[in-house]
Structure formats: C-alpha cells, structure tokens
Amino acid sequence: MEKKKTAPTVGILALQGSVIEHESMLRKIGVNTLRVLKPEHLEQIDGIILPGGESTTLGKLLKLFSIAEPLKAKIENGLPVFGTCAGLILLAKEIEGEEPHLGVMDIRVRRNAYGRQIDSFIAHEVIEEFSPLPLELVFVRAPAIEKTFGKAKVLKELNGRIIAARQENMLVTSFHPELTDDETVHRYFLNMFE
C-alpha cells in the first residue's frame, strides 16, 4: 500500500512584516504553516518564507532572537527559502551601503530602489519560470537586484532591473505575490521542496 504524502509545513518568519498574507495564501492551497519566532521552530519546517517588512529591523530581530545563525546554516544545507521584498534583502550576499544579514544568495541588492511608499505600483508581466500567463506584481518600497553572480540566475527583469531570481533552494522576488489572489508563485515555491 502506497504511503500518503503529507503536506509540507512552511515556516513564515514572523518577527515583523506581511506574515498573515503569506499564511492566508498557503492555507488557501492546503499547506500547513508555522510562525517562526524561535530557533527550535526551524526543526519543524520543510521550507521557510522571509516576508516583506523592514529589512534592517528584521535583520536585528533575527540576531536578537538567535535565529540568524541556525537559519543561515539550514539554508546552506538546502532548506527551501522564499524571500519577498525585505526577505530578498535578508538573503543577499551584497547590499548597497550596508552589511549583509544572512548573506547566502549570490545577489547584490539596492534597498528602496523604486522609491518611497507613495511610489508603490502594480505591473502585469509574464515570468516564464512561474507561468506563461501574466502575473499581477505588487511593488511596495521595493528593492531591486542590481546583479547576480555565482550560482544565482535571473528569472525576470522589469525596466532594466532584476525583480526575481533563483539560486538552487533560494527564490527571491522584489514584488509581493502574497498581496494578490494569485497562488502561482507560492505553488512554484512548494515545487522546490521535491
């Protein structure tokens, strides 16, 4: 008799940022979620989302709650991770004007590349890696990837700026798929677990 495959448990770094929105999206597609607030939570998950928020604050809280080092080790050992907006910044090896936080992904990032809150916008673009259909891309004080190097590959550019990239078990977007009704990007992330 074939053993039934259990749904993965996706952790969401819940120190600050768009936690509820990612939770809602994952629950909609039948995935177990766990709010990651302590290092021991990392032992209970199959992958993790680093949500949008304020990257400098998130970086400080990662250290304060002693999550930074064990999380970095888990990612380096293959834990699937999806960073949106501030989460993208947390993963970058290079950040213009500041020290890296987790420093695990071969990308150089510029914070607030798209300006202030008032400059937020929505675009509709095809990202072939995710879907042949246009996706709604929500940008809120978004960072941009200035360059990829090493093993990171560009998934999408918009107006000359890299807005999505992947490196093995790491996925990042400048935009917020959790602020739409479209499950495409989250489903793509879940496929990285296999």
C-alpha atoms as a PDB file:
ATOM      1  CA  MET A   1       0.000   0.000   0.000  1.00  0.00           C
ATOM      2  CA  GLU A   2       1.399   3.382  -1.002  1.00  0.00           C
ATOM      3  CA  LYS A   3       2.096   5.783   1.846  1.00  0.00           C
ATOM      4  CA  LYS A   4       0.093   9.005   1.566  1.00  0.00           C
ATOM      5  CA  LYS A   5       2.350  12.016   1.135  1.00  0.00           C
ATOM      6  CA  THR A   6       1.762  14.576   3.868  1.00  0.00           C
ATOM      7  CA  ALA A   7       1.555  18.272   3.074  1.00  0.00           C
ATOM      8  CA  PRO A   8       4.755  20.144   3.901  1.00  0.00           C
ATOM      9  CA  THR A   9       4.940  22.595   6.764  1.00  0.00           C
ATOM     10  CA  VAL A  10       6.097  26.006   5.607  1.00  0.00           C
ATOM     11  CA  GLY A  11       7.553  28.315   8.203  1.00  0.00           C
ATOM     12  CA  ILE A  12       6.977  32.045   7.945  1.00  0.00           C
ATOM     13  CA  LEU A  13       9.468  34.282   9.705  1.00  0.00           C
ATOM     14  CA  ALA A  14       7.024  36.066  11.996  1.00  0.00           C
ATOM     15  CA  LEU A  15       9.173  38.751  13.610  1.00  0.00           C
ATOM     16  CA  GLN A  16       7.690  41.569  11.506  1.00  0.00           C
ATOM     17  CA  GLY A  17       6.126  42.140   8.085  1.00  0.00           C
ATOM     18  CA  SER A  18       3.477  40.531   5.860  1.00  0.00           C
ATOM     19  CA  VAL A  19       3.099  37.291   7.837  1.00  0.00           C
ATOM     20  CA  ILE A  20      -0.713  36.982   7.767  1.00  0.00           C
ATOM     21  CA  GLU A  21      -0.862  37.482   3.995  1.00  0.00           C
ATOM     22  CA  HIS A  22       1.595  34.621   3.327  1.00  0.00           C
ATOM     23  CA  GLU A  23      -0.246  32.426   5.840  1.00  0.00           C
ATOM     24  CA  SER A  24      -3.572  33.053   4.093  1.00  0.00           C
ATOM     25  CA  MET A  25      -2.095  32.226   0.678  1.00  0.00           C
ATOM     26  CA  LEU A  26      -0.518  28.970   1.894  1.00  0.00           C
ATOM     27  CA  ARG A  27      -3.636  27.850   3.761  1.00  0.00           C
ATOM     28  CA  LYS A  28      -5.682  28.529   0.623  1.00  0.00           C
ATOM     29  CA  ILE A  29      -3.580  25.938  -1.210  1.00  0.00           C
ATOM     30  CA  GLY A  30      -3.733  23.423   1.639  1.00  0.00           C
ATOM     31  CA  VAL A  31      -0.320  23.845   3.209  1.00  0.00           C
ATOM     32  CA  ASN A  32       0.477  23.716   6.922  1.00  0.00           C
ATOM     33  CA  THR A  33       2.143  26.850   8.258  1.00  0.00           C
ATOM     34  CA  LEU A  34       4.185  27.637  11.340  1.00  0.00           C
ATOM     35  CA  ARG A  35       5.142  31.090  12.571  1.00  0.00           C
ATOM     36  CA  VAL A  36       8.885  31.034  13.147  1.00  0.00           C
ATOM     37  CA  LEU A  37       9.772  33.011  16.271  1.00  0.00           C
ATOM     38  CA  LYS A  38      12.432  30.791  17.882  1.00  0.00           C
ATOM     39  CA  PRO A  39      15.397  28.739  16.636  1.00  0.00           C
ATOM     40  CA  GLU A  40      13.657  25.464  17.599  1.00  0.00           C
ATOM     41  CA  HIS A  41      10.833  26.235  15.151  1.00  0.00           C
ATOM     42  CA  LEU A  42      13.347  25.705  12.337  1.00  0.00           C
ATOM     43  CA  GLU A  43      13.393  21.983  13.212  1.00  0.00           C
ATOM     44  CA  GLN A  44       9.654  21.677  12.500  1.00  0.00           C
ATOM     45  CA  ILE A  45       9.525  23.071   8.951  1.00  0.00           C
ATOM     46  CA  ASP A  46      10.179  21.854   5.400  1.00  0.00           C
ATOM     47  CA  GLY A  47      10.780  25.340   3.968  1.00  0.00           C
ATOM     48  CA  ILE A  48      10.537  28.981   5.023  1.00  0.00           C
ATOM     49  CA  ILE A  49       9.242  32.295   3.723  1.00  0.00           C
ATOM     50  CA  LEU A  50      11.027  35.506   4.676  1.00  0.00           C
ATOM     51  CA  PRO A  51       8.284  38.110   4.206  1.00  0.00           C
ATOM     52  CA  GLY A  52       8.276  41.751   3.251  1.00  0.00           C
ATOM     53  CA  GLY A  53       8.715  44.240   6.059  1.00  0.00           C
ATOM     54  CA  GLU A  54      11.631  46.415   7.099  1.00  0.00           C
ATOM     55  CA  SER A  55      14.900  44.614   6.332  1.00  0.00           C
ATOM     56  CA  THR A  56      17.109  46.426   8.855  1.00  0.00           C
ATOM     57  CA  THR A  57      14.613  45.708  11.657  1.00  0.00           C
ATOM     58  CA  LEU A  58      14.215  42.085  10.548  1.00  0.00           C
ATOM     59  CA  GLY A  59      17.999  41.654  10.443  1.00  0.00           C
ATOM     60  CA  LYS A  60      18.333  42.960  14.008  1.00  0.00           C
ATOM     61  CA  LEU A  61      15.464  40.784  15.259  1.00  0.00           C
ATOM     62  CA  LEU A  62      16.969  37.677  13.625  1.00  0.00           C
ATOM     63  CA  LYS A  63      20.081  38.217  15.749  1.00  0.00           C
ATOM     64  CA  LEU A  64      18.169  39.242  18.888  1.00  0.00           C
ATOM     65  CA  PHE A  65      16.024  36.082  18.774  1.00  0.00           C
ATOM     66  CA  SER A  66      19.111  33.919  17.943  1.00  0.00           C
ATOM     67  CA  ILE A  67      17.551  32.756  14.665  1.00  0.00           C
ATOM     68  CA  ALA A  68      20.128  34.195  12.220  1.00  0.00           C
ATOM     69  CA  GLU A  69      22.901  31.588  12.542  1.00  0.00           C
ATOM     70  CA  PRO A  70      20.736  28.430  12.634  1.00  0.00           C
ATOM     71  CA  LEU A  71      18.605  29.769   9.753  1.00  0.00           C
ATOM     72  CA  LYS A  72      21.698  30.528   7.674  1.00  0.00           C
ATOM     73  CA  ALA A  73      23.033  27.009   8.335  1.00  0.00           C
ATOM     74  CA  LYS A  74      19.693  25.418   7.379  1.00  0.00           C
ATOM     75  CA  ILE A  75      19.531  27.378   4.104  1.00  0.00           C
ATOM     76  CA  GLU A  76      23.141  26.491   3.273  1.00  0.00           C
ATOM     77  CA  ASN A  77      22.195  22.843   3.865  1.00  0.00           C
ATOM     78  CA  GLY A  78      19.316  23.028   1.381  1.00  0.00           C
ATOM     79  CA  LEU A  79      16.225  24.303   3.259  1.00  0.00           C
ATOM     80  CA  PRO A  80      13.948  25.851   0.602  1.00  0.00           C
ATOM     81  CA  VAL A  81      13.558  29.571   1.245  1.00  0.00           C
ATOM     82  CA  PHE A  82      11.458  32.251  -0.463  1.00  0.00           C
ATOM     83  CA  GLY A  83      12.282  35.890   0.246  1.00  0.00           C
ATOM     84  CA  THR A  84       9.843  38.602  -0.814  1.00  0.00           C
ATOM     85  CA  CYS A  85      10.919  42.256  -0.761  1.00  0.00           C
ATOM     86  CA  ALA A  86      12.690  42.632   2.629  1.00  0.00           C
ATOM     87  CA  GLY A  87      13.184  38.855   2.653  1.00  0.00           C
ATOM     88  CA  LEU A  88      15.151  39.223  -0.574  1.00  0.00           C
ATOM     89  CA  ILE A  89      17.411  41.750   1.149  1.00  0.00           C
ATOM     90  CA  LEU A  90      17.964  39.387   4.113  1.00  0.00           C
ATOM     91  CA  LEU A  91      19.267  36.669   1.780  1.00  0.00           C
ATOM     92  CA  ALA A  92      21.619  38.839  -0.318  1.00  0.00           C
ATOM     93  CA  LYS A  93      25.391  38.461  -0.076  1.00  0.00           C
ATOM     94  CA  GLU A  94      25.810  42.116  -1.025  1.00  0.00           C
ATOM     95  CA  ILE A  95      23.615  45.084  -0.048  1.00  0.00           C
ATOM     96  CA  GLU A  96      24.441  48.562  -1.309  1.00  0.00           C
ATOM     97  CA  GLY A  97      25.526  50.691   1.667  1.00  0.00           C
ATOM     98  CA  GLU A  98      25.204  48.105   4.433  1.00  0.00           C
ATOM     99  CA  GLU A  99      26.419  44.784   5.765  1.00  0.00           C
ATOM    100  CA  PRO A 100      24.626  41.617   4.647  1.00  0.00           C
ATOM    101  CA  HIS A 101      22.234  39.911   7.076  1.00  0.00           C
ATOM    102  CA  LEU A 102      22.159  36.170   6.243  1.00  0.00           C
ATOM    103  CA  GLY A 103      24.456  36.599   3.217  1.00  0.00           C
ATOM    104  CA  VAL A 104      23.611  33.308   1.483  1.00  0.00           C
ATOM    105  CA  MET A 105      22.492  34.242  -2.056  1.00  0.00           C
ATOM    106  CA  ASP A 106      24.727  35.409  -4.902  1.00  0.00           C
ATOM    107  CA  ILE A 107      22.949  38.706  -5.491  1.00  0.00           C
ATOM    108  CA  ARG A 108      23.730  42.396  -4.985  1.00  0.00           C
ATOM    109  CA  VAL A 109      20.710  44.401  -3.838  1.00  0.00           C
ATOM    110  CA  ARG A 110      19.700  48.049  -3.607  1.00  0.00           C
ATOM    111  CA  ARG A 111      17.086  48.816  -0.952  1.00  0.00           C
ATOM    112  CA  ASN A 112      14.103  51.024  -1.857  1.00  0.00           C
ATOM    113  CA  ALA A 113      15.196  51.027  -5.500  1.00  0.00           C
ATOM    114  CA  TYR A 114      11.689  52.010  -6.542  1.00  0.00           C
ATOM    115  CA  GLY A 115      11.371  54.933  -4.157  1.00  0.00           C
ATOM    116  CA  ARG A 116       9.090  55.657  -1.227  1.00  0.00           C
ATOM    117  CA  GLN A 117       5.699  54.223  -0.234  1.00  0.00           C
ATOM    118  CA  ILE A 118       3.987  56.762  -2.478  1.00  0.00           C
ATOM    119  CA  ASP A 119       5.886  55.322  -5.454  1.00  0.00           C
ATOM    120  CA  SER A 120       4.392  51.845  -4.980  1.00  0.00           C
ATOM    121  CA  PHE A 121       2.855  50.359  -8.136  1.00  0.00           C
ATOM    122  CA  ILE A 122       1.359  47.276  -9.774  1.00  0.00           C
ATOM    123  CA  ALA A 123       2.573  45.718 -13.029  1.00  0.00           C
ATOM    124  CA  HIS A 124       1.273  42.770 -15.062  1.00  0.00           C
ATOM    125  CA  GLU A 125       4.089  40.680 -16.520  1.00  0.00           C
ATOM    126  CA  VAL A 126       4.829  37.146 -17.682  1.00  0.00           C
ATOM    127  CA  ILE A 127       7.570  35.377 -15.718  1.00  0.00           C
ATOM    128  CA  GLU A 128       8.162  32.248 -17.801  1.00  0.00           C
ATOM    129  CA  GLU A 129       9.672  30.292 -14.904  1.00  0.00           C
ATOM    130  CA  PHE A 130       6.391  30.673 -12.973  1.00  0.00           C
ATOM    131  CA  SER A 131       3.695  30.683 -15.660  1.00  0.00           C
ATOM    132  CA  PRO A 132       3.009  31.514 -19.338  1.00  0.00           C
ATOM    133  CA  LEU A 133       0.240  33.834 -18.139  1.00  0.00           C
ATOM    134  CA  PRO A 134       0.769  37.407 -16.902  1.00  0.00           C
ATOM    135  CA  LEU A 135       1.022  37.778 -13.128  1.00  0.00           C
ATOM    136  CA  GLU A 136      -0.003  40.739 -11.013  1.00  0.00           C
ATOM    137  CA  LEU A 137       3.190  42.129  -9.473  1.00  0.00           C
ATOM    138  CA  VAL A 138       2.758  44.421  -6.464  1.00  0.00           C
ATOM    139  CA  PHE A 139       5.751  46.621  -5.631  1.00  0.00           C
ATOM    140  CA  VAL A 140       5.826  48.413  -2.249  1.00  0.00           C
ATOM    141  CA  ARG A 141       9.032  50.343  -1.470  1.00  0.00           C
ATOM    142  CA  ALA A 142      10.649  47.519  -3.375  1.00  0.00           C
ATOM    143  CA  PRO A 143      14.321  46.616  -3.575  1.00  0.00           C
ATOM    144  CA  ALA A 144      15.972  45.696  -6.869  1.00  0.00           C
ATOM    145  CA  ILE A 145      18.651  43.124  -7.565  1.00  0.00           C
ATOM    146  CA  GLU A 146      21.479  45.065  -9.158  1.00  0.00           C
ATOM    147  CA  LYS A 147      23.332  41.950 -10.284  1.00  0.00           C
ATOM    148  CA  THR A 148      23.512  38.208  -9.920  1.00  0.00           C
ATOM    149  CA  PHE A 149      26.770  36.288  -9.764  1.00  0.00           C
ATOM    150  CA  GLY A 150      27.956  32.795  -8.864  1.00  0.00           C
ATOM    151  CA  LYS A 151      25.046  30.352  -8.997  1.00  0.00           C
ATOM    152  CA  ALA A 152      22.145  32.844  -8.942  1.00  0.00           C
ATOM    153  CA  LYS A 153      20.087  33.142 -12.119  1.00  0.00           C
ATOM    154  CA  VAL A 154      17.803  35.942 -13.245  1.00  0.00           C
ATOM    155  CA  LEU A 155      14.145  34.936 -13.641  1.00  0.00           C
ATOM    156  CA  LYS A 156      12.767  38.347 -14.637  1.00  0.00           C
ATOM    157  CA  GLU A 157      13.803  41.912 -15.351  1.00  0.00           C
ATOM    158  CA  LEU A 158      11.435  44.862 -15.445  1.00  0.00           C
ATOM    159  CA  ASN A 159      12.561  48.207 -16.869  1.00  0.00           C
ATOM    160  CA  GLY A 160      16.205  47.148 -16.651  1.00  0.00           C
ATOM    161  CA  ARG A 161      16.009  45.955 -13.023  1.00  0.00           C
ATOM    162  CA  ILE A 162      16.072  42.353 -11.837  1.00  0.00           C
ATOM    163  CA  ILE A 163      12.877  41.609  -9.894  1.00  0.00           C
ATOM    164  CA  ALA A 164      13.044  37.810  -9.496  1.00  0.00           C
ATOM    165  CA  ALA A 165      15.928  35.358  -9.146  1.00  0.00           C
ATOM    166  CA  ARG A 166      16.669  31.814  -8.060  1.00  0.00           C
ATOM    167  CA  GLN A 167      19.721  30.014  -6.761  1.00  0.00           C
ATOM    168  CA  GLU A 168      19.203  26.314  -6.083  1.00  0.00           C
ATOM    169  CA  ASN A 169      16.954  26.193  -2.946  1.00  0.00           C
ATOM    170  CA  MET A 170      16.586  30.007  -2.756  1.00  0.00           C
ATOM    171  CA  LEU A 171      13.898  32.058  -4.507  1.00  0.00           C
ATOM    172  CA  VAL A 172      13.504  35.836  -4.275  1.00  0.00           C
ATOM    173  CA  THR A 173      11.115  38.446  -5.650  1.00  0.00           C
ATOM    174  CA  SER A 174      11.121  42.241  -5.329  1.00  0.00           C
ATOM    175  CA  PHE A 175       7.347  42.144  -5.515  1.00  0.00           C
ATOM    176  CA  HIS A 176       4.695  40.780  -3.122  1.00  0.00           C
ATOM    177  CA  PRO A 177       2.767  37.797  -4.540  1.00  0.00           C
ATOM    178  CA  GLU A 178       1.033  37.418  -1.159  1.00  0.00           C
ATOM    179  CA  LEU A 179      -0.790  40.725  -1.769  1.00  0.00           C
ATOM    180  CA  THR A 180      -2.675  39.259  -4.740  1.00  0.00           C
ATOM    181  CA  ASP A 181      -5.171  36.393  -5.155  1.00  0.00           C
ATOM    182  CA  ASP A 182      -2.807  34.512  -7.460  1.00  0.00           C
ATOM    183  CA  GLU A 183      -1.245  31.355  -5.975  1.00  0.00           C
ATOM    184  CA  THR A 184       1.215  30.788  -8.843  1.00  0.00           C
ATOM    185  CA  VAL A 185       4.432  31.944  -7.166  1.00  0.00           C
ATOM    186  CA  HIS A 186       3.680  30.173  -3.877  1.00  0.00           C
ATOM    187  CA  ARG A 187       2.908  26.949  -5.785  1.00  0.00           C
ATOM    188  CA  TYR A 188       6.228  27.304  -7.627  1.00  0.00           C
ATOM    189  CA  PHE A 189       7.995  27.651  -4.266  1.00  0.00           C
ATOM    190  CA  LEU A 190       6.279  24.490  -2.974  1.00  0.00           C
ATOM    191  CA  ASN A 191       7.534  22.591  -6.038  1.00  0.00           C
ATOM    192  CA  MET A 192      11.064  23.412  -4.875  1.00  0.00           C
ATOM    193  CA  PHE A 193      10.530  21.056  -1.910  1.00  0.00           C
ATOM    194  CA  GLU A 194      10.662  17.939  -4.091  1.00  0.00           C
END
